[in-house]
C-alpha atoms as a PDB file:
ATOM      1  CA  MET A   1      18.341   9.921  -0.198  1.00  0.00           C
ATOM      2  CA  ILE A   2      15.638   8.874  -3.102  1.00  0.00           C
ATOM      3  CA  LEU A   3      13.468   7.749   0.079  1.00  0.00           C
ATOM      4  CA  GLN A   4      13.614  11.249   1.049  1.00  0.00           C
ATOM      5  CA  HIS A   5      12.798  12.791  -2.086  1.00  0.00           C
ATOM      6  CA  LEU A   6       9.657  10.329  -2.650  1.00  0.00           C
ATOM      7  CA  LYS A   7       8.429  11.318   0.928  1.00  0.00           C
ATOM      8  CA  THR A   8       8.724  15.131   0.158  1.00  0.00           C
ATOM      9  CA  ARG A   9       7.611  15.156  -3.496  1.00  0.00           C
ATOM     10  CA  THR A  10       4.551  13.001  -2.880  1.00  0.00           C
ATOM     11  CA  ALA A  11       3.561  14.358   0.408  1.00  0.00           C
ATOM     12  CA  THR A  12       0.769  16.678  -1.197  1.00  0.00           C
ATOM     13  CA  LEU A  13      -0.895  13.576  -2.850  1.00  0.00           C
ATOM     14  CA  HIS A  14      -0.470  11.140   0.185  1.00  0.00           C
ATOM     15  CA  LYS A  15      -2.575  13.696   2.378  1.00  0.00           C
ATOM     16  CA  GLU A  16      -4.979  14.242  -0.528  1.00  0.00           C
ATOM     17  CA  THR A  17      -5.429  10.226  -0.788  1.00  0.00           C
ATOM     18  CA  GLU A  18      -5.693   9.745   3.104  1.00  0.00           C
ATOM     19  CA  ALA A  19      -8.312  12.246   3.239  1.00  0.00           C
ATOM     20  CA  ASP A  20     -10.963  10.244   1.350  1.00  0.00           C
ATOM     21  CA  ASN A  21      -9.686   7.036   3.033  1.00  0.00           C
ATOM     22  CA  LEU A  22     -12.393   5.393   5.590  1.00  0.00           C
ATOM     23  CA  ALA A  23      -9.302   4.379   7.880  1.00  0.00           C
ATOM     24  CA  LYS A  24     -10.332   7.899   9.606  1.00  0.00           C
ATOM     25  CA  TYR A  25     -13.202   6.674  11.347  1.00  0.00           C
ATOM     26  CA  ILE A  26     -10.987   3.704  12.955  1.00  0.00           C
ATOM     27  CA  LEU A  27      -8.698   6.139  13.930  1.00  0.00           C
ATOM     28  CA  ASP A  28     -11.698   8.258  15.809  1.00  0.00           C
ATOM     29  CA  HIS A  29     -12.843   4.750  16.771  1.00  0.00           C
ATOM     30  CA  SER A  30     -16.521   5.436  15.031  1.00  0.00           C
ATOM     31  CA  ILE A  31     -16.146   2.867  12.293  1.00  0.00           C
ATOM     32  CA  THR A  32     -19.291   0.957  11.431  1.00  0.00           C
ATOM     33  CA  LEU A  33     -18.871  -2.921  10.109  1.00  0.00           C
ATOM     34  CA  ASP A  34     -20.064  -1.691   6.778  1.00  0.00           C
ATOM     35  CA  GLN A  35     -17.262   0.977   6.492  1.00  0.00           C
ATOM     36  CA  TYR A  36     -14.801  -1.464   7.680  1.00  0.00           C
ATOM     37  CA  LYS A  37     -15.959  -3.991   5.046  1.00  0.00           C
ATOM     38  CA  ALA A  38     -15.738  -0.880   2.658  1.00  0.00           C
ATOM     39  CA  LEU A  39     -12.567   0.035   3.630  1.00  0.00           C
ATOM     40  CA  LEU A  40     -10.896  -3.564   3.274  1.00  0.00           C
ATOM     41  CA  SER A  41     -12.708  -3.697  -0.128  1.00  0.00           C
ATOM     42  CA  LYS A  42     -11.171  -0.425  -1.293  1.00  0.00           C
ATOM     43  CA  ASN A  43      -7.539  -1.395  -0.319  1.00  0.00           C
ATOM     44  CA  TYR A  44      -7.966  -4.975  -1.671  1.00  0.00           C
ATOM     45  CA  GLN A  45      -8.969  -3.126  -4.978  1.00  0.00           C
ATOM     46  CA  ALA A  46      -5.955  -0.665  -4.982  1.00  0.00           C
ATOM     47  CA  TYR A  47      -3.406  -3.778  -3.382  1.00  0.00           C
ATOM     48  CA  TYR A  48      -4.408  -5.918  -6.048  1.00  0.00           C
ATOM     49  CA  THR A  49      -4.006  -4.030  -8.752  1.00  0.00           C
ATOM     50  CA  LEU A  50      -0.665  -2.910  -7.900  1.00  0.00           C
ATOM     51  CA  SER A  51       0.749  -5.882  -6.982  1.00  0.00           C
ATOM     52  CA  GLU A  52      -0.612  -7.142 -10.366  1.00  0.00           C
ATOM     53  CA  LEU A  53       1.184  -4.480 -12.134  1.00  0.00           C
ATOM     54  CA  LEU A  54       4.381  -4.912 -10.199  1.00  0.00           C
ATOM     55  CA  LYS A  55       4.649  -8.493 -10.791  1.00  0.00           C
ATOM     56  CA  GLN A  56       4.029  -7.998 -14.613  1.00  0.00           C
ATOM     57  CA  PHE A  57       7.298  -5.800 -14.636  1.00  0.00           C
ATOM     58  CA  SER A  58       9.047  -7.044 -11.543  1.00  0.00           C
ATOM     59  CA  GLY A  59      11.780  -8.908 -13.959  1.00  0.00           C
ATOM     60  CA  SER A  60      13.084  -5.351 -14.434  1.00  0.00           C
ATOM     61  CA  MET A  61      13.858  -4.880 -10.765  1.00  0.00           C
ATOM     62  CA  PRO A  62      17.053  -5.583  -8.730  1.00  0.00           C
ATOM     63  CA  ASP A  63      16.798  -9.284  -7.083  1.00  0.00           C
ATOM     64  CA  SER A  64      17.160  -7.561  -3.769  1.00  0.00           C
ATOM     65  CA  LEU A  65      13.600  -5.649  -4.758  1.00  0.00           C
ATOM     66  CA  ARG A  66      11.649  -8.235  -6.542  1.00  0.00           C
ATOM     67  CA  ASP A  67      10.609 -10.050  -3.305  1.00  0.00           C
ATOM     68  CA  PHE A  68       8.628  -6.763  -2.222  1.00  0.00           C
ATOM     69  CA  ALA A  69       6.323  -6.979  -5.614  1.00  0.00           C
ATOM     70  CA  ASP A  70       4.353  -9.614  -4.185  1.00  0.00           C
ATOM     71  CA  SER A  71       0.552 -10.026  -3.253  1.00  0.00           C
ATOM     72  CA  LYS A  72       0.901 -10.619   0.466  1.00  0.00           C
ATOM     73  CA  LYS A  73      -1.017  -7.449   0.931  1.00  0.00           C
ATOM     74  CA  ALA A  74      -3.770  -8.180  -1.208  1.00  0.00           C
ATOM     75  CA  GLU A  75      -3.982 -12.136  -0.193  1.00  0.00           C
ATOM     76  CA  ALA A  76      -4.114 -10.390   3.704  1.00  0.00           C
ATOM     77  CA  LEU A  77      -6.881  -8.212   2.625  1.00  0.00           C
ATOM     78  CA  GLU A  78      -8.982 -11.290   0.589  1.00  0.00           C
ATOM     79  CA  LYS A  79      -8.832 -13.158   3.777  1.00  0.00           C
ATOM     80  CA  ASP A  80     -10.095 -10.313   5.652  1.00  0.00           C
ATOM     81  CA  LEU A  81     -13.273 -10.114   3.199  1.00  0.00           C
ATOM     82  CA  LYS A  82     -13.776 -13.869   2.870  1.00  0.00           C
ATOM     83  CA  GLN A  83     -14.108 -13.939   6.629  1.00  0.00           C
ATOM     84  CA  LEU A  84     -16.712 -11.027   6.735  1.00  0.00           C
ATOM     85  CA  GLY A  85     -18.516 -12.740   3.712  1.00  0.00           C
ATOM     86  CA  ALA A  86     -17.685  -9.849   1.409  1.00  0.00           C
ATOM     87  CA  SER A  87     -17.223 -10.302  -1.997  1.00  0.00           C
ATOM     88  CA  LEU A  88     -14.200  -9.316  -3.705  1.00  0.00           C
ATOM     89  CA  PRO A  89     -14.029  -6.239  -6.161  1.00  0.00           C
ATOM     90  CA  SER A  90     -12.176  -6.437  -9.327  1.00  0.00           C
ATOM     91  CA  LYS A  91      -9.058  -5.022  -9.906  1.00  0.00           C
ATOM     92  CA  LEU A  92      -8.988  -1.599 -11.549  1.00  0.00           C
ATOM     93  CA  ASN A  93      -8.246  -1.013 -15.202  1.00  0.00           C
ATOM     94  CA  GLU A  94      -5.240   0.701 -15.048  1.00  0.00           C
ATOM     95  CA  SER A  95      -1.921   0.033 -17.601  1.00  0.00           C
ATOM     96  CA  LEU A  96       1.323   1.431 -16.896  1.00  0.00           C
ATOM     97  CA  PRO A  97       2.890   3.933 -19.104  1.00  0.00           C
ATOM     98  CA  ASN A  98       4.820   2.584 -22.385  1.00  0.00           C
ATOM     99  CA  GLU A  99       8.036   3.063 -20.939  1.00  0.00           C
ATOM    100  CA  ILE A 100       8.282   1.229 -17.875  1.00  0.00           C
ATOM    101  CA  ASN A 101      11.689   1.097 -16.008  1.00  0.00           C
ATOM    102  CA  TYR A 102      12.912   0.120 -12.560  1.00  0.00           C
ATOM    103  CA  PRO A 103      12.873   3.689 -11.175  1.00  0.00           C
ATOM    104  CA  PHE A 104       8.911   3.768 -11.861  1.00  0.00           C
ATOM    105  CA  LEU A 105       8.195   0.432 -10.070  1.00  0.00           C
ATOM    106  CA  LEU A 106      10.735   1.547  -7.181  1.00  0.00           C
ATOM    107  CA  GLY A 107       8.077   4.536  -6.891  1.00  0.00           C
ATOM    108  CA  MET A 108       5.067   2.126  -6.793  1.00  0.00           C
ATOM    109  CA  LEU A 109       6.651  -0.090  -4.289  1.00  0.00           C
ATOM    110  CA  TYR A 110       7.625   2.983  -2.021  1.00  0.00           C
ATOM    111  CA  VAL A 111       3.923   3.932  -1.782  1.00  0.00           C
ATOM    112  CA  ALA A 112       2.712   0.062  -1.198  1.00  0.00           C
ATOM    113  CA  GLU A 113       5.577  -0.572   1.180  1.00  0.00           C
ATOM    114  CA  GLY A 114       5.368   2.724   3.321  1.00  0.00           C
ATOM    115  CA  SER A 115       1.372   2.462   3.588  1.00  0.00           C
ATOM    116  CA  MET A 116       2.347  -0.297   5.820  1.00  0.00           C
ATOM    117  CA  MET A 117       3.691   2.140   7.795  1.00  0.00           C
ATOM    118  CA  GLY A 118       0.503   3.702   8.420  1.00  0.00           C
ATOM    119  CA  GLY A 119      -1.573   0.350   9.201  1.00  0.00           C
ATOM    120  CA  LEU A 120       0.675   0.294  12.230  1.00  0.00           C
ATOM    121  CA  LEU A 121      -1.493   3.365  13.612  1.00  0.00           C
ATOM    122  CA  ILE A 122      -4.707   1.777  12.299  1.00  0.00           C
ATOM    123  CA  ARG A 123      -3.548  -1.500  14.190  1.00  0.00           C
ATOM    124  CA  LYS A 124      -3.035   0.023  17.280  1.00  0.00           C
ATOM    125  CA  ASN A 125      -6.571   1.804  17.099  1.00  0.00           C
ATOM    126  CA  LEU A 126      -8.629  -1.370  16.175  1.00  0.00           C
ATOM    127  CA  GLU A 127      -9.223  -2.621  19.689  1.00  0.00           C
ATOM    128  CA  ASN A 128     -10.986   0.549  20.497  1.00  0.00           C
ATOM    129  CA  CYS A 129     -13.360   0.493  17.515  1.00  0.00           C
ATOM    130  CA  VAL A 130     -16.813  -1.039  18.974  1.00  0.00           C
ATOM    131  CA  GLY A 131     -18.224  -1.491  15.959  1.00  0.00           C
ATOM    132  CA  ILE A 132     -16.122  -4.091  14.963  1.00  0.00           C
ATOM    133  CA  ASN A 133     -15.006  -5.593  18.156  1.00  0.00           C
ATOM    134  CA  THR A 134     -16.631  -8.974  16.941  1.00  0.00           C
ATOM    135  CA  ILE A 135     -13.875  -9.432  14.646  1.00  0.00           C
ATOM    136  CA  GLU A 136     -11.400 -12.035  16.243  1.00  0.00           C
ATOM    137  CA  THR A 137      -8.375 -11.673  13.621  1.00  0.00           C
ATOM    138  CA  HIS A 138      -7.382  -8.725  11.452  1.00  0.00           C
ATOM    139  CA  HIS A 139      -5.333 -10.211   8.606  1.00  0.00           C
ATOM    140  CA  PHE A 140      -4.274  -7.079   6.859  1.00  0.00           C
ATOM    141  CA  PHE A 141      -4.523  -4.488  10.001  1.00  0.00           C
ATOM    142  CA  GLY A 142      -3.082  -7.179  12.217  1.00  0.00           C
ATOM    143  CA  LYS A 143       0.396  -7.439  10.880  1.00  0.00           C
ATOM    144  CA  SER A 144       2.854  -7.135  14.102  1.00  0.00           C
ATOM    145  CA  ALA A 145       4.919  -3.727  14.508  1.00  0.00           C
ATOM    146  CA  PRO A 146       8.315  -6.001  14.468  1.00  0.00           C
ATOM    147  CA  ASP A 147       7.019  -7.488  11.284  1.00  0.00           C
ATOM    148  CA  VAL A 148       6.212  -4.273   9.429  1.00  0.00           C
ATOM    149  CA  MET A 149       9.368  -2.334  10.946  1.00  0.00           C
ATOM    150  CA  ASN A 150      11.670  -5.360   9.755  1.00  0.00           C
ATOM    151  CA  ARG A 151       9.918  -5.126   6.103  1.00  0.00           C
ATOM    152  CA  TRP A 152      10.546  -1.471   5.920  1.00  0.00           C
ATOM    153  CA  LYS A 153      14.174  -1.798   7.007  1.00  0.00           C
ATOM    154  CA  ALA A 154      14.680  -4.430   4.462  1.00  0.00           C
ATOM    155  CA  PHE A 155      13.151  -2.370   1.665  1.00  0.00           C
ATOM    156  CA  THR A 156      14.863   0.922   2.854  1.00  0.00           C
ATOM    157  CA  GLU A 157      18.311  -1.095   2.781  1.00  0.00           C
ATOM    158  CA  ALA A 158      17.453  -2.850  -0.728  1.00  0.00           C
ATOM    159  CA  VAL A 159      16.775   0.426  -2.277  1.00  0.00           C
ATOM    160  CA  ASN A 160      19.563   2.350  -0.560  1.00  0.00           C
ATOM    161  CA  GLU A 161      22.041  -0.228  -2.336  1.00  0.00           C
ATOM    162  CA  LYS A 162      21.892   2.062  -5.360  1.00  0.00           C
ATOM    163  CA  THR A 163      22.822   5.742  -6.156  1.00  0.00           C
ATOM    164  CA  TYR A 164      20.066   7.077  -7.922  1.00  0.00           C
ATOM    165  CA  THR A 165      20.333   9.808 -10.594  1.00  0.00           C
ATOM    166  CA  ASP A 166      18.076  13.127 -10.770  1.00  0.00           C
ATOM    167  CA  SER A 167      16.404  11.646 -13.665  1.00  0.00           C
ATOM    168  CA  GLU A 168      15.590   8.064 -11.861  1.00  0.00           C
ATOM    169  CA  ILE A 169      14.536  10.275  -8.705  1.00  0.00           C
ATOM    170  CA  ASP A 170      12.020  12.222 -11.189  1.00  0.00           C
ATOM    171  CA  GLU A 171      10.959   8.871 -12.539  1.00  0.00           C
ATOM    172  CA  ALA A 172      10.372   6.852  -9.175  1.00  0.00           C
ATOM    173  CA  VAL A 173       8.474  10.072  -7.869  1.00  0.00           C
ATOM    174  CA  ASP A 174       6.393   9.639 -11.069  1.00  0.00           C
ATOM    175  CA  GLY A 175       5.668   6.032 -10.003  1.00  0.00           C
ATOM    176  CA  ALA A 176       4.878   7.270  -6.638  1.00  0.00           C
ATOM    177  CA  HIS A 177       2.097   9.383  -8.430  1.00  0.00           C
ATOM    178  CA  PHE A 178       1.044   6.666 -10.328  1.00  0.00           C
ATOM    179  CA  ALA A 179       0.587   4.330  -7.112  1.00  0.00           C
ATOM    180  CA  PHE A 180      -1.337   7.125  -5.269  1.00  0.00           C
ATOM    181  CA  GLU A 181      -3.400   7.669  -7.932  1.00  0.00           C
ATOM    182  CA  ILE A 182      -4.538   4.217  -7.840  1.00  0.00           C
ATOM    183  CA  PHE A 183      -5.094   4.240  -4.242  1.00  0.00           C
ATOM    184  CA  GLN A 184      -7.351   7.317  -5.075  1.00  0.00           C
ATOM    185  CA  LYS A 185      -9.562   5.964  -7.743  1.00  0.00           C
ATOM    186  CA  SER A 186     -10.247   3.194  -5.242  1.00  0.00           C
ATOM    187  CA  TYR A 187     -11.042   5.169  -2.570  1.00  0.00           C
END
C-alpha cells in the first residue's frame, strides 16, 4: 500500500524530473557521446549524493532494507565515466532534515530503486544510439532485466513486511520528494 501512495503522490515531481533528463536522447536514439557523458555525470552526482546520505543513516533502517542503501549505482556510474575518460563530479551539498527517520529514508530508497526500472527502457534503446555505439560495456544502464526486476521484487517485499501509519506514509513521501529534488538539482 505504501508503494502505491509513493507512486501516486510523487507522480508530478517524477514527471518534472524526467523532463530535464538527457536520457530522452537515448529514447529517440539521437544522443551524442558528450551528452551521454553528461548524463552519466549528472546521474553519478545524484546517486552518489543519495547513497552517501542513505549510508549515513542506514542504522535506523530495518535489516531487510539496509542492503538497498548501497553504493552500487554510483560505483557502476563511476566505472562508466572512467571508461570514457570523464572526470567524476563531486556530490551535491545536501543535508538531511534534522529529524530523520526510517519512513523518510524509505522514500529516498523508493526513488533510487524505482529509477532502475526506468533504466530498463533506456537499456533497451542503447544499441540503437549511433552516437555511442563504440561503447562496448554499459555498467549502469547495462544491468540485465532479470537482475533489476529481482532487486525491485526484493525491495517491495522488504517494504511490505511492515504496515505503515498515515503519518509514516507522509514522511516517506517527503523522503521521496527530497530524493527527486536531488535529481532535479543534478540535472
